N, C-alpha and C. Protein backbone atom coordinates (compact mmCIF):
# COMPACT_ATOMS: atom_id res chain seq x y z
N MET A 1 9.34 -10.00 14.43
CA MET A 1 10.03 -9.95 13.17
C MET A 1 9.04 -9.56 12.08
N ILE A 2 9.39 -8.58 11.29
CA ILE A 2 8.55 -8.11 10.20
C ILE A 2 9.16 -8.59 8.90
N VAL A 3 8.34 -9.26 8.11
CA VAL A 3 8.81 -9.81 6.85
C VAL A 3 8.25 -8.99 5.70
N ARG A 4 9.09 -8.57 4.81
CA ARG A 4 8.69 -7.86 3.61
C ARG A 4 8.87 -8.79 2.42
N TYR A 5 7.96 -8.71 1.50
CA TYR A 5 8.00 -9.54 0.30
C TYR A 5 9.07 -9.03 -0.65
N GLU A 6 9.94 -9.91 -1.07
CA GLU A 6 10.94 -9.53 -2.07
C GLU A 6 10.95 -10.59 -3.17
N PRO A 7 10.41 -10.26 -4.33
CA PRO A 7 10.35 -11.23 -5.41
C PRO A 7 11.75 -11.68 -5.83
N SER A 8 11.82 -12.93 -6.23
CA SER A 8 13.11 -13.47 -6.65
C SER A 8 13.33 -13.32 -8.15
N ILE A 9 12.37 -12.78 -8.85
CA ILE A 9 12.53 -12.58 -10.29
C ILE A 9 13.59 -11.51 -10.52
N LYS A 10 14.50 -11.77 -11.42
CA LYS A 10 15.60 -10.84 -11.69
C LYS A 10 15.36 -10.10 -13.00
N VAL A 11 15.77 -8.85 -13.02
CA VAL A 11 15.73 -8.08 -14.25
C VAL A 11 17.07 -8.25 -14.96
N ASP A 12 17.21 -7.62 -16.12
CA ASP A 12 18.39 -7.84 -16.97
C ASP A 12 19.72 -7.66 -16.25
N ASP A 13 19.84 -6.68 -15.38
CA ASP A 13 21.14 -6.43 -14.76
C ASP A 13 21.36 -7.26 -13.48
N GLY A 14 20.47 -8.23 -13.21
CA GLY A 14 20.66 -9.13 -12.09
C GLY A 14 19.99 -8.67 -10.80
N ARG A 15 19.48 -7.44 -10.79
CA ARG A 15 18.79 -6.97 -9.59
C ARG A 15 17.38 -7.55 -9.55
N SER A 16 16.82 -7.70 -8.36
CA SER A 16 15.45 -8.18 -8.25
C SER A 16 14.49 -7.06 -8.66
N ILE A 17 13.26 -7.43 -8.95
CA ILE A 17 12.25 -6.42 -9.28
C ILE A 17 12.09 -5.47 -8.10
N TYR A 18 12.14 -6.00 -6.90
CA TYR A 18 12.04 -5.17 -5.69
C TYR A 18 13.11 -4.09 -5.69
N GLN A 19 14.35 -4.48 -5.93
CA GLN A 19 15.45 -3.51 -5.95
C GLN A 19 15.25 -2.47 -7.05
N THR A 20 14.80 -2.92 -8.21
CA THR A 20 14.57 -2.01 -9.33
C THR A 20 13.49 -1.00 -8.99
N LEU A 21 12.37 -1.47 -8.42
CA LEU A 21 11.29 -0.56 -8.05
C LEU A 21 11.75 0.44 -6.99
N GLN A 22 12.52 -0.03 -6.02
CA GLN A 22 13.02 0.85 -4.96
C GLN A 22 13.96 1.90 -5.54
N ASP A 23 14.84 1.49 -6.43
CA ASP A 23 15.86 2.39 -6.98
C ASP A 23 15.27 3.43 -7.93
N THR A 24 14.27 3.05 -8.69
CA THR A 24 13.74 3.97 -9.70
C THR A 24 12.63 4.85 -9.18
N ASN A 25 12.07 4.51 -8.01
CA ASN A 25 10.96 5.27 -7.45
C ASN A 25 9.88 5.45 -8.52
N ASN A 26 9.48 4.36 -9.10
CA ASN A 26 8.58 4.28 -10.25
C ASN A 26 7.27 5.03 -9.99
N PRO A 27 6.98 6.08 -10.76
CA PRO A 27 5.74 6.85 -10.54
C PRO A 27 4.48 6.05 -10.85
N TYR A 28 4.60 5.02 -11.70
CA TYR A 28 3.45 4.20 -12.00
C TYR A 28 2.99 3.44 -10.76
N CYS A 29 3.92 3.03 -9.95
CA CYS A 29 3.57 2.32 -8.71
C CYS A 29 2.78 3.23 -7.79
N THR A 30 3.19 4.48 -7.68
CA THR A 30 2.46 5.43 -6.86
C THR A 30 1.04 5.61 -7.39
N ASP A 31 0.91 5.72 -8.70
CA ASP A 31 -0.41 5.87 -9.31
C ASP A 31 -1.29 4.64 -9.05
N ILE A 32 -0.71 3.47 -9.14
CA ILE A 32 -1.47 2.24 -8.90
C ILE A 32 -1.92 2.18 -7.44
N ILE A 33 -1.03 2.51 -6.52
CA ILE A 33 -1.37 2.50 -5.10
C ILE A 33 -2.47 3.52 -4.82
N LYS A 34 -2.36 4.72 -5.39
CA LYS A 34 -3.38 5.74 -5.20
C LYS A 34 -4.74 5.28 -5.75
N THR A 35 -4.71 4.64 -6.90
CA THR A 35 -5.96 4.14 -7.50
C THR A 35 -6.59 3.07 -6.63
N LEU A 36 -5.79 2.11 -6.19
CA LEU A 36 -6.32 1.06 -5.32
C LEU A 36 -6.86 1.65 -4.02
N TRP A 37 -6.11 2.59 -3.45
CA TRP A 37 -6.53 3.22 -2.20
C TRP A 37 -7.87 3.95 -2.41
N SER A 38 -8.02 4.63 -3.54
CA SER A 38 -9.27 5.36 -3.80
C SER A 38 -10.45 4.42 -3.99
N LEU A 39 -10.19 3.21 -4.48
CA LEU A 39 -11.27 2.25 -4.68
C LEU A 39 -11.88 1.76 -3.37
N LEU A 40 -11.16 1.90 -2.28
CA LEU A 40 -11.72 1.51 -0.98
C LEU A 40 -12.88 2.42 -0.58
N ASP A 41 -12.98 3.56 -1.22
CA ASP A 41 -14.05 4.52 -0.94
C ASP A 41 -15.34 4.14 -1.67
N GLU A 42 -15.27 3.18 -2.56
CA GLU A 42 -16.42 2.77 -3.35
C GLU A 42 -16.89 1.39 -2.92
N GLU A 43 -18.05 1.02 -3.39
CA GLU A 43 -18.59 -0.30 -3.07
C GLU A 43 -18.01 -1.32 -4.06
N GLU A 44 -16.79 -1.69 -3.80
CA GLU A 44 -16.08 -2.65 -4.65
C GLU A 44 -15.73 -3.86 -3.79
N ASP A 45 -14.96 -4.75 -4.33
CA ASP A 45 -14.48 -5.92 -3.60
C ASP A 45 -13.33 -5.49 -2.69
N HIS A 46 -13.67 -5.03 -1.51
CA HIS A 46 -12.67 -4.50 -0.58
C HIS A 46 -11.58 -5.53 -0.24
N GLN A 47 -11.98 -6.78 -0.10
CA GLN A 47 -11.00 -7.82 0.26
C GLN A 47 -9.91 -7.93 -0.81
N LYS A 48 -10.28 -7.92 -2.06
CA LYS A 48 -9.31 -8.02 -3.16
C LYS A 48 -8.43 -6.77 -3.22
N ILE A 49 -9.04 -5.61 -3.04
CA ILE A 49 -8.28 -4.36 -3.07
C ILE A 49 -7.25 -4.35 -1.94
N VAL A 50 -7.67 -4.74 -0.75
CA VAL A 50 -6.76 -4.76 0.40
C VAL A 50 -5.64 -5.78 0.16
N SER A 51 -5.97 -6.89 -0.43
CA SER A 51 -4.95 -7.89 -0.75
C SER A 51 -3.88 -7.31 -1.67
N LEU A 52 -4.31 -6.58 -2.69
CA LEU A 52 -3.35 -5.95 -3.61
C LEU A 52 -2.55 -4.85 -2.91
N LEU A 53 -3.20 -4.08 -2.06
CA LEU A 53 -2.48 -3.03 -1.32
C LEU A 53 -1.42 -3.64 -0.40
N LYS A 54 -1.75 -4.77 0.20
CA LYS A 54 -0.77 -5.45 1.07
C LYS A 54 0.45 -5.88 0.26
N LYS A 55 0.24 -6.31 -0.96
CA LYS A 55 1.37 -6.71 -1.80
C LYS A 55 2.25 -5.50 -2.11
N PHE A 56 1.63 -4.38 -2.43
CA PHE A 56 2.41 -3.17 -2.67
C PHE A 56 3.12 -2.70 -1.39
N ASP A 57 2.45 -2.85 -0.27
CA ASP A 57 3.08 -2.48 1.00
C ASP A 57 4.31 -3.34 1.25
N GLY A 58 4.23 -4.61 0.87
CA GLY A 58 5.39 -5.49 1.02
C GLY A 58 6.53 -5.12 0.09
N LEU A 59 6.18 -4.67 -1.11
CA LEU A 59 7.19 -4.29 -2.10
C LEU A 59 7.74 -2.88 -1.86
N LEU A 60 6.84 -1.96 -1.62
CA LEU A 60 7.21 -0.54 -1.53
C LEU A 60 6.53 0.10 -0.32
N PRO A 61 6.95 -0.27 0.87
CA PRO A 61 6.25 0.22 2.08
C PRO A 61 6.25 1.74 2.21
N ARG A 62 7.31 2.40 1.80
CA ARG A 62 7.36 3.86 1.94
C ARG A 62 6.33 4.52 1.03
N LEU A 63 6.21 4.06 -0.21
CA LEU A 63 5.22 4.63 -1.13
C LEU A 63 3.80 4.42 -0.61
N PHE A 64 3.53 3.23 -0.15
CA PHE A 64 2.21 2.92 0.37
C PHE A 64 1.88 3.83 1.55
N SER A 65 2.78 3.95 2.49
CA SER A 65 2.58 4.81 3.66
C SER A 65 2.38 6.26 3.24
N ASP A 66 3.17 6.72 2.29
CA ASP A 66 3.07 8.11 1.85
C ASP A 66 1.69 8.43 1.26
N VAL A 67 1.15 7.50 0.49
CA VAL A 67 -0.17 7.71 -0.10
C VAL A 67 -1.24 7.84 1.00
N VAL A 68 -1.19 6.93 1.96
CA VAL A 68 -2.19 6.94 3.03
C VAL A 68 -2.03 8.17 3.91
N ILE A 69 -0.81 8.48 4.30
CA ILE A 69 -0.55 9.62 5.18
C ILE A 69 -0.92 10.94 4.51
N GLU A 70 -0.65 11.03 3.21
CA GLU A 70 -0.99 12.26 2.49
C GLU A 70 -2.49 12.58 2.62
N GLU A 71 -3.32 11.56 2.47
CA GLU A 71 -4.76 11.79 2.59
C GLU A 71 -5.17 12.04 4.04
N LEU A 72 -4.59 11.30 4.97
CA LEU A 72 -4.95 11.50 6.38
C LEU A 72 -4.54 12.88 6.89
N ASN A 73 -3.52 13.45 6.30
CA ASN A 73 -3.05 14.77 6.71
C ASN A 73 -3.68 15.91 5.91
N SER A 74 -4.59 15.59 5.03
CA SER A 74 -5.21 16.61 4.18
C SER A 74 -5.92 17.68 5.01
N LYS A 75 -5.87 18.91 4.54
CA LYS A 75 -6.58 20.03 5.18
C LYS A 75 -8.06 20.03 4.77
N ASP A 76 -8.36 19.39 3.64
CA ASP A 76 -9.72 19.30 3.14
C ASP A 76 -10.51 18.28 3.98
N ARG A 77 -11.57 18.74 4.59
CA ARG A 77 -12.36 17.89 5.49
C ARG A 77 -12.90 16.64 4.80
N GLU A 78 -13.42 16.80 3.58
CA GLU A 78 -13.98 15.66 2.86
C GLU A 78 -12.92 14.61 2.55
N VAL A 79 -11.75 15.06 2.14
CA VAL A 79 -10.65 14.14 1.84
C VAL A 79 -10.24 13.39 3.11
N LYS A 80 -10.15 14.11 4.21
CA LYS A 80 -9.74 13.50 5.49
C LYS A 80 -10.77 12.47 5.97
N VAL A 81 -12.05 12.81 5.89
CA VAL A 81 -13.11 11.88 6.29
C VAL A 81 -13.07 10.63 5.42
N SER A 82 -12.89 10.82 4.13
CA SER A 82 -12.79 9.69 3.21
C SER A 82 -11.57 8.82 3.54
N ALA A 83 -10.45 9.46 3.85
CA ALA A 83 -9.23 8.73 4.20
C ALA A 83 -9.42 7.91 5.47
N ILE A 84 -10.11 8.46 6.43
CA ILE A 84 -10.38 7.72 7.68
C ILE A 84 -11.27 6.52 7.40
N LYS A 85 -12.27 6.71 6.56
CA LYS A 85 -13.15 5.60 6.18
C LYS A 85 -12.34 4.48 5.51
N LYS A 86 -11.48 4.86 4.56
CA LYS A 86 -10.67 3.86 3.84
C LYS A 86 -9.69 3.18 4.78
N PHE A 87 -9.10 3.96 5.67
CA PHE A 87 -8.16 3.39 6.64
C PHE A 87 -8.87 2.38 7.54
N THR A 88 -10.10 2.70 7.95
CA THR A 88 -10.88 1.79 8.78
C THR A 88 -11.14 0.47 8.06
N ILE A 89 -11.51 0.55 6.80
CA ILE A 89 -11.75 -0.66 6.00
C ILE A 89 -10.46 -1.46 5.90
N PHE A 90 -9.36 -0.78 5.57
CA PHE A 90 -8.07 -1.46 5.43
C PHE A 90 -7.69 -2.13 6.75
N TRP A 91 -7.83 -1.41 7.84
CA TRP A 91 -7.42 -1.93 9.15
C TRP A 91 -8.25 -3.15 9.55
N LYS A 92 -9.56 -3.09 9.33
CA LYS A 92 -10.43 -4.21 9.68
C LYS A 92 -10.10 -5.46 8.87
N LEU A 93 -9.78 -5.26 7.59
CA LEU A 93 -9.51 -6.41 6.73
C LEU A 93 -8.10 -6.96 6.87
N THR A 94 -7.23 -6.25 7.57
CA THR A 94 -5.88 -6.77 7.81
C THR A 94 -5.67 -7.19 9.26
N ALA A 95 -6.64 -6.96 10.12
CA ALA A 95 -6.49 -7.27 11.55
C ALA A 95 -6.19 -8.74 11.80
N HIS A 96 -6.79 -9.62 11.02
CA HIS A 96 -6.57 -11.06 11.22
C HIS A 96 -5.15 -11.49 10.84
N ASP A 97 -4.43 -10.67 10.12
CA ASP A 97 -3.05 -10.99 9.72
C ASP A 97 -2.01 -10.56 10.74
N TYR A 98 -2.44 -9.80 11.74
CA TYR A 98 -1.52 -9.30 12.76
C TYR A 98 -1.11 -10.46 13.66
N PRO A 99 0.11 -10.64 14.08
CA PRO A 99 1.26 -9.77 13.97
C PRO A 99 2.18 -10.09 12.79
N GLN A 100 1.81 -11.06 11.95
CA GLN A 100 2.67 -11.36 10.80
C GLN A 100 2.73 -10.19 9.82
N TYR A 101 1.63 -9.51 9.68
CA TYR A 101 1.59 -8.35 8.80
C TYR A 101 1.36 -7.09 9.63
N LYS A 102 2.30 -6.16 9.55
CA LYS A 102 2.21 -4.91 10.29
C LYS A 102 2.36 -3.75 9.31
N PRO A 103 1.23 -3.22 8.84
CA PRO A 103 1.33 -2.09 7.90
C PRO A 103 1.89 -0.86 8.59
N PHE A 104 2.51 -0.03 7.81
CA PHE A 104 3.05 1.25 8.27
C PHE A 104 4.19 1.09 9.27
N TYR A 105 4.88 -0.04 9.19
CA TYR A 105 6.05 -0.27 10.01
C TYR A 105 7.28 -0.16 9.15
N ASP A 106 8.33 0.43 9.67
CA ASP A 106 9.62 0.48 8.96
C ASP A 106 10.63 -0.35 9.70
């Protein structure tokens, strides 16, 4: 069983924040995910970054997957190598959460 995080906070029209984000396909969320993903390439607090990415994956799994897949499928060798490095960091830091957390699952 795969559990996705769905906040219980409601917006004005009674929908949850999760529903609102899904319905609007908020471009700010994509930008935030891309920024967090890019930070894995630097010497930052990887554990905190991965924790935040996991939250976005729980809220917007398709957006999160799209960001990662876009880089992994890049024709640019440097971008692809960087994406593999970031994916490795992400995978190592989420391995202890398996099977409760399964990234890139629909």
